[in-house]
Amino acid sequence: MKAKTVLPAVAMTAVSMVLTLAVVVMWLGTAMPWPVALVVGLGIDGGWLATLAYERRLAAQGDHSSAVTGVGWGFGLIATGVLIAHALTAEESTGAWLAVAWLPIAAKALWLVHGLWERTALTPGALGAIRGIQQEARDEAAVARARLRADAATEETRLTAVTAAGARVARVQAKTAATLAGAWSTLESARQGEDTGRALTCVTTPVTPGVTPDVTPRWELPVWGPMEPVSALALESAPALTDAQLDALVDSIRHSQTPALSYREMAIRFRAAGHSASEVRLRAAWKRVVA
């Protein structure tokens, strides 16, 4: 993985250094002896290479120097400026020289990218752990989506079944209501009919006192609708038994059979006979009778 970033930077640096040295020798060689031009070119490339080596040493130690980085970028700009100046003063192939003038800056940028990669690089173990966590998260998300889809399908099936059952119930109720309405209409027509009334009078005369053929009886239909429940307070409650009466009843029921009955059997027969008393009073009467 490290070679993917360092090899392009090394190749670009080598190409830019060779190109800078060649341009300086060709360009300045016409104005000064070529050994001097060679020294100038080697000085530019050497300064750039020295600052790059020192910067890489600091990066290996986990350190960083803004001054060294600035000097390195300065040598890169000088090399780029030399290439641009040569391209502008060249009589031929100006565009071609300008096209390669960016190589020193590009080499410096590649080393910057390599430095950023080194600062963010992780070990294979850490990368494996990250991949495992990501895979686990994807698995959980897939399971959650499948569960949600299954729940949605189940709910849709349930709602469809409930809706269908409700529709069937509604159809049955509507059909029953229509049948009852027709029957009620028929009964009402029979009640209102004059001939029907006479026929019913003739039939019921032997069993209905006070009904004569001259009198048309009123046949009332039963009420079809909600009925009001009878309140419990409206029922007449039987008078409560006194203790003496309760003791006498308990004693007579107890000795109504030989051997004498147990309390449970006595209580069953007491209530079956229609008598009413609370369980507390009945048990107290039993204790008084047995004592």
Protein backbone atom coordinates (compact mmCIF):
# COMPACT_ATOMS: atom_id res chain seq x y z
CA MET A 1 0.00 0.00 0.00
CA LYS A 2 2.87 2.39 0.73
CA ALA A 3 4.34 1.88 -2.76
CA LYS A 4 1.14 3.19 -4.33
CA THR A 5 1.95 6.69 -3.10
CA VAL A 6 5.74 6.76 -2.78
CA LEU A 7 6.63 5.38 -6.21
CA PRO A 8 4.78 8.06 -8.21
CA ALA A 9 6.36 10.76 -6.03
CA VAL A 10 9.89 9.33 -6.56
CA ALA A 11 9.34 9.01 -10.31
CA MET A 12 7.97 12.53 -10.63
CA THR A 13 10.88 13.91 -8.57
CA ALA A 14 13.47 12.17 -10.71
CA VAL A 15 11.89 13.38 -13.96
CA SER A 16 11.58 16.96 -12.73
CA MET A 17 15.21 17.01 -11.47
CA VAL A 18 16.57 15.68 -14.77
CA LEU A 19 14.40 18.11 -16.71
CA THR A 20 15.49 21.06 -14.55
CA LEU A 21 19.17 20.18 -14.88
CA ALA A 22 18.88 19.77 -18.66
CA VAL A 23 17.03 23.07 -19.11
CA VAL A 24 19.50 24.98 -16.95
CA VAL A 25 22.49 23.55 -18.87
CA MET A 26 20.93 24.26 -22.29
CA TRP A 27 19.57 27.68 -21.39
CA LEU A 28 22.44 29.11 -19.35
CA GLY A 29 25.13 27.26 -21.34
CA THR A 30 24.88 29.87 -24.10
CA ALA A 31 25.58 32.72 -21.70
CA MET A 32 28.20 31.07 -19.44
CA PRO A 33 30.49 28.04 -19.51
CA TRP A 34 28.53 24.81 -19.29
CA PRO A 35 30.28 23.65 -16.08
CA VAL A 36 28.89 26.74 -14.34
CA ALA A 37 25.41 26.04 -15.72
CA LEU A 38 25.78 22.44 -14.54
CA VAL A 39 26.67 23.62 -11.05
CA VAL A 40 23.62 25.93 -11.02
CA GLY A 41 21.33 23.09 -12.08
CA LEU A 42 22.82 20.68 -9.55
CA GLY A 43 22.45 23.37 -6.86
CA ILE A 44 18.72 23.73 -7.53
CA ASP A 45 18.17 19.98 -7.64
CA GLY A 46 20.48 19.35 -4.69
CA GLY A 47 18.79 21.91 -2.49
CA TRP A 48 15.42 20.49 -3.36
CA LEU A 49 16.58 16.92 -2.73
CA ALA A 50 18.26 17.85 0.58
CA THR A 51 15.18 19.59 1.95
CA LEU A 52 13.00 16.67 0.79
CA ALA A 53 15.28 14.14 2.53
CA TYR A 54 15.27 16.14 5.77
CA GLU A 55 11.50 16.57 5.62
CA ARG A 56 11.07 12.82 5.15
CA ARG A 57 13.36 12.18 8.12
CA LEU A 58 11.23 14.43 10.33
CA ALA A 59 8.07 12.69 9.11
CA ALA A 60 9.56 9.30 10.00
CA GLN A 61 10.15 10.59 13.54
CA GLY A 62 6.59 11.90 13.78
CA ASP A 63 7.77 15.51 13.62
CA HIS A 64 7.22 18.40 11.26
CA SER A 65 9.08 21.63 10.46
CA SER A 66 7.30 24.45 8.68
CA ALA A 67 10.66 26.11 7.83
CA VAL A 68 11.99 23.01 6.07
CA THR A 69 8.69 22.59 4.22
CA GLY A 70 8.80 26.23 3.13
CA VAL A 71 12.41 25.90 1.88
CA GLY A 72 11.43 22.77 -0.08
CA TRP A 73 8.51 24.54 -1.73
CA GLY A 74 10.85 27.46 -2.48
CA PHE A 75 13.28 25.22 -4.40
CA GLY A 76 10.32 23.71 -6.24
CA LEU A 77 9.07 27.17 -7.25
CA ILE A 78 12.57 28.14 -8.40
CA ALA A 79 12.76 25.05 -10.59
CA THR A 80 9.31 25.77 -11.99
CA GLY A 81 10.23 29.39 -12.63
CA VAL A 82 13.38 28.34 -14.53
CA LEU A 83 11.32 25.99 -16.72
CA ILE A 84 8.71 28.66 -17.42
CA ALA A 85 11.36 31.28 -18.24
CA HIS A 86 13.09 28.88 -20.61
CA ALA A 87 9.78 28.06 -22.30
CA LEU A 88 8.96 31.74 -22.83
CA THR A 89 12.39 32.56 -24.28
CA ALA A 90 12.69 29.46 -26.44
CA GLU A 91 12.37 30.09 -30.15
CA GLU A 92 10.75 26.73 -30.83
CA SER A 93 8.37 24.39 -28.99
CA THR A 94 7.25 27.00 -26.47
CA GLY A 95 4.03 25.15 -25.78
CA ALA A 96 5.80 21.85 -25.20
CA TRP A 97 8.20 23.41 -22.66
CA LEU A 98 5.32 25.11 -20.87
CA ALA A 99 3.50 21.74 -20.73
CA VAL A 100 6.30 20.21 -18.64
CA ALA A 101 7.02 23.27 -16.51
CA TRP A 102 4.59 22.08 -13.81
CA LEU A 103 6.54 18.88 -13.06
CA PRO A 104 8.50 20.21 -10.01
CA ILE A 105 5.30 21.48 -8.36
CA ALA A 106 3.57 18.21 -9.20
CA ALA A 107 6.39 16.20 -7.61
CA LYS A 108 6.17 18.31 -4.43
CA ALA A 109 2.37 17.79 -4.34
CA LEU A 110 2.83 14.01 -4.65
CA TRP A 111 5.17 14.02 -1.67
CA LEU A 112 2.53 15.98 0.25
CA VAL A 113 -0.08 13.34 -0.59
CA HIS A 114 2.34 10.60 0.51
CA GLY A 115 2.89 12.39 3.83
CA LEU A 116 -0.86 12.66 4.42
CA TRP A 117 -1.23 8.94 3.67
CA GLU A 118 1.46 8.08 6.20
CA ARG A 119 -0.22 10.17 8.91
CA THR A 120 -3.55 8.40 8.34
CA ALA A 121 -2.28 4.88 7.59
CA LEU A 122 -3.51 2.03 9.80
CA THR A 123 -2.15 -1.42 10.53
CA PRO A 124 -3.71 -4.48 8.86
CA GLY A 125 -5.19 -5.54 12.20
CA ALA A 126 -6.93 -2.19 12.65
CA LEU A 127 -8.20 -2.28 9.07
CA GLY A 128 -9.53 -5.80 9.62
CA ALA A 129 -11.29 -4.69 12.81
CA ILE A 130 -12.85 -1.73 10.97
CA ARG A 131 -14.01 -4.01 8.16
CA GLY A 132 -15.52 -6.39 10.73
CA ILE A 133 -17.39 -3.55 12.45
CA GLN A 134 -18.69 -2.25 9.13
CA GLN A 135 -19.80 -5.74 8.08
CA GLU A 136 -21.54 -6.28 11.41
CA ALA A 137 -23.34 -2.95 11.04
CA ARG A 138 -24.42 -3.89 7.50
CA ASP A 139 -25.67 -7.28 8.74
CA GLU A 140 -27.67 -5.69 11.56
CA ALA A 141 -29.16 -3.15 9.16
CA ALA A 142 -30.13 -5.92 6.71
CA VAL A 143 -31.74 -7.98 9.49
CA ALA A 144 -33.63 -4.92 10.75
CA ARG A 145 -34.89 -4.15 7.24
CA ALA A 146 -36.00 -7.77 6.78
CA ARG A 147 -37.79 -7.73 10.15
CA LEU A 148 -39.58 -4.51 9.30
CA ARG A 149 -40.66 -5.88 5.91
CA ALA A 150 -41.92 -9.09 7.54
CA ASP A 151 -43.83 -7.15 10.21
CA ALA A 152 -45.36 -4.93 7.55
CA ALA A 153 -46.44 -7.95 5.48
CA THR A 154 -47.92 -9.65 8.56
CA GLU A 155 -49.82 -6.51 9.55
CA GLU A 156 -51.11 -6.12 6.00
CA THR A 157 -52.34 -9.75 6.00
CA ARG A 158 -54.02 -9.28 9.38
CA LEU A 159 -55.75 -6.09 8.30
CA THR A 160 -56.93 -7.76 5.09
CA ALA A 161 -58.38 -10.69 7.07
CA VAL A 162 -60.06 -8.39 9.60
CA THR A 163 -61.51 -6.24 6.83
CA ALA A 164 -62.86 -9.28 4.98
CA ALA A 165 -64.41 -10.69 8.19
CA GLY A 166 -65.97 -7.32 8.97
CA ALA A 167 -67.41 -7.13 5.47
CA ARG A 168 -68.94 -10.61 5.84
CA VAL A 169 -70.45 -9.68 9.20
CA ALA A 170 -71.87 -6.49 7.73
CA ARG A 171 -73.43 -8.39 4.83
CA VAL A 172 -75.01 -10.94 7.20
CA GLN A 173 -76.35 -8.17 9.44
CA ALA A 174 -77.77 -6.29 6.46
CA LYS A 175 -79.44 -9.45 5.16
CA THR A 176 -80.85 -10.28 8.61
CA ALA A 177 -82.14 -6.75 9.04
CA ALA A 178 -83.83 -6.87 5.65
CA THR A 179 -85.47 -10.21 6.53
CA LEU A 180 -86.68 -8.92 9.91
CA ALA A 181 -87.98 -5.75 8.32
CA GLY A 182 -89.95 -7.79 5.77
CA ALA A 183 -91.39 -10.04 8.48
CA TRP A 184 -92.32 -7.06 10.61
CA SER A 185 -93.99 -5.41 7.66
CA THR A 186 -96.01 -8.57 7.03
CA LEU A 187 -97.10 -8.75 10.67
CA GLU A 188 -98.08 -5.08 10.67
CA SER A 189 -100.14 -5.57 7.52
CA ALA A 190 -101.87 -8.54 9.13
CA ARG A 191 -102.61 -6.52 12.27
CA GLN A 192 -104.02 -3.60 10.32
CA GLY A 193 -106.17 -5.73 8.01
CA GLU A 194 -109.93 -5.77 8.76
CA ASP A 195 -110.57 -9.31 7.52
CA THR A 196 -107.64 -10.61 9.50
CA GLY A 197 -109.04 -9.03 12.64
CA ARG A 198 -112.44 -10.76 12.20
CA ALA A 199 -110.80 -14.10 11.56
CA LEU A 200 -108.66 -13.76 14.67
CA THR A 201 -111.77 -12.79 16.68
CA CYS A 202 -113.63 -15.89 15.58
CA VAL A 203 -110.71 -18.09 16.45
CA THR A 204 -110.04 -16.55 19.86
CA THR A 205 -113.64 -16.11 21.01
CA PRO A 206 -113.79 -19.47 22.84
CA VAL A 207 -110.60 -18.76 24.74
CA THR A 208 -110.76 -14.98 25.12
CA PRO A 209 -113.51 -13.81 27.46
CA GLY A 210 -115.15 -10.52 26.67
CA VAL A 211 -114.36 -10.60 22.93
CA THR A 212 -117.40 -10.60 20.66
CA PRO A 213 -117.69 -10.76 16.91
CA ASP A 214 -118.86 -7.13 16.93
CA VAL A 215 -115.71 -5.94 18.61
CA THR A 216 -112.44 -6.02 16.69
CA PRO A 217 -109.62 -6.74 19.12
CA ARG A 218 -106.30 -4.89 18.99
CA TRP A 219 -103.40 -7.20 18.34
CA GLU A 220 -100.31 -5.46 19.61
CA LEU A 221 -96.99 -6.57 18.22
CA PRO A 222 -94.06 -7.14 20.56
CA VAL A 223 -91.64 -4.28 20.91
CA TRP A 224 -88.63 -4.58 18.62
CA GLY A 225 -85.89 -2.41 20.06
CA PRO A 226 -83.78 -1.79 23.16
CA MET A 227 -85.39 -2.73 26.45
CA GLU A 228 -84.82 -0.88 29.69
CA PRO A 229 -83.44 -3.27 32.35
CA VAL A 230 -85.43 -3.59 35.52
CA SER A 231 -83.60 -2.08 38.46
CA ALA A 232 -82.70 -4.41 41.28
CA LEU A 233 -84.31 -2.00 43.71
CA ALA A 234 -87.65 -2.53 42.00
CA LEU A 235 -87.76 -6.19 43.02
CA GLU A 236 -89.42 -6.89 46.33
CA SER A 237 -86.94 -8.41 48.71
CA ALA A 238 -88.11 -11.06 51.14
CA PRO A 239 -88.11 -10.01 54.79
CA ALA A 240 -84.92 -10.93 56.61
CA LEU A 241 -85.14 -13.82 59.08
CA THR A 242 -84.52 -13.15 62.74
CA ASP A 243 -81.81 -14.99 64.58
CA ALA A 244 -84.35 -17.24 66.32
CA GLN A 245 -86.08 -18.14 63.06
CA LEU A 246 -82.75 -18.72 61.40
CA ASP A 247 -81.59 -20.98 64.27
CA ALA A 248 -84.83 -22.99 64.06
CA LEU A 249 -84.51 -23.47 60.30
CA VAL A 250 -80.86 -24.51 60.58
CA ASP A 251 -81.67 -26.98 63.36
CA SER A 252 -84.60 -28.53 61.50
CA ILE A 253 -82.63 -28.90 58.26
CA ARG A 254 -79.64 -30.32 60.15
CA HIS A 255 -81.71 -33.02 61.86
CA SER A 256 -83.86 -33.75 58.80
CA GLN A 257 -81.65 -36.76 58.11
CA THR A 258 -79.84 -39.28 60.26
CA PRO A 259 -76.98 -38.91 60.85
CA ALA A 260 -77.12 -35.11 61.12
CA LEU A 261 -76.07 -33.12 58.08
CA SER A 262 -72.78 -31.26 57.77
CA TYR A 263 -72.65 -27.51 57.43
CA ARG A 264 -72.09 -27.64 53.67
CA GLU A 265 -75.04 -29.99 53.09
CA MET A 266 -77.23 -27.92 55.42
CA ALA A 267 -76.32 -24.69 53.57
CA ILE A 268 -77.15 -26.26 50.19
CA ARG A 269 -80.57 -27.44 51.39
CA PHE A 270 -81.21 -24.10 53.12
CA ARG A 271 -80.72 -22.12 49.93
CA ALA A 272 -82.49 -24.75 47.77
CA ALA A 273 -85.57 -24.28 49.97
CA GLY A 274 -85.68 -20.59 48.94
CA HIS A 275 -84.42 -19.11 52.19
CA SER A 276 -82.05 -16.13 52.16
CA ALA A 277 -79.31 -15.29 54.64
CA SER A 278 -75.75 -14.09 54.45
CA GLU A 279 -72.95 -16.58 54.84
CA VAL A 280 -71.82 -14.87 58.06
CA ARG A 281 -75.28 -15.13 59.69
CA LEU A 282 -75.79 -18.70 58.46
CA ARG A 283 -72.44 -19.84 59.88
CA ALA A 284 -73.15 -18.04 63.18
CA ALA A 285 -76.56 -19.79 63.44
CA TRP A 286 -74.85 -23.14 62.77
CA LYS A 287 -72.39 -22.52 65.61
CA ARG A 288 -75.23 -21.64 67.99
CA VAL A 289 -77.22 -24.72 67.07
CA VAL A 290 -74.26 -27.10 67.28
CA ALA A 291 -72.92 -25.63 70.55
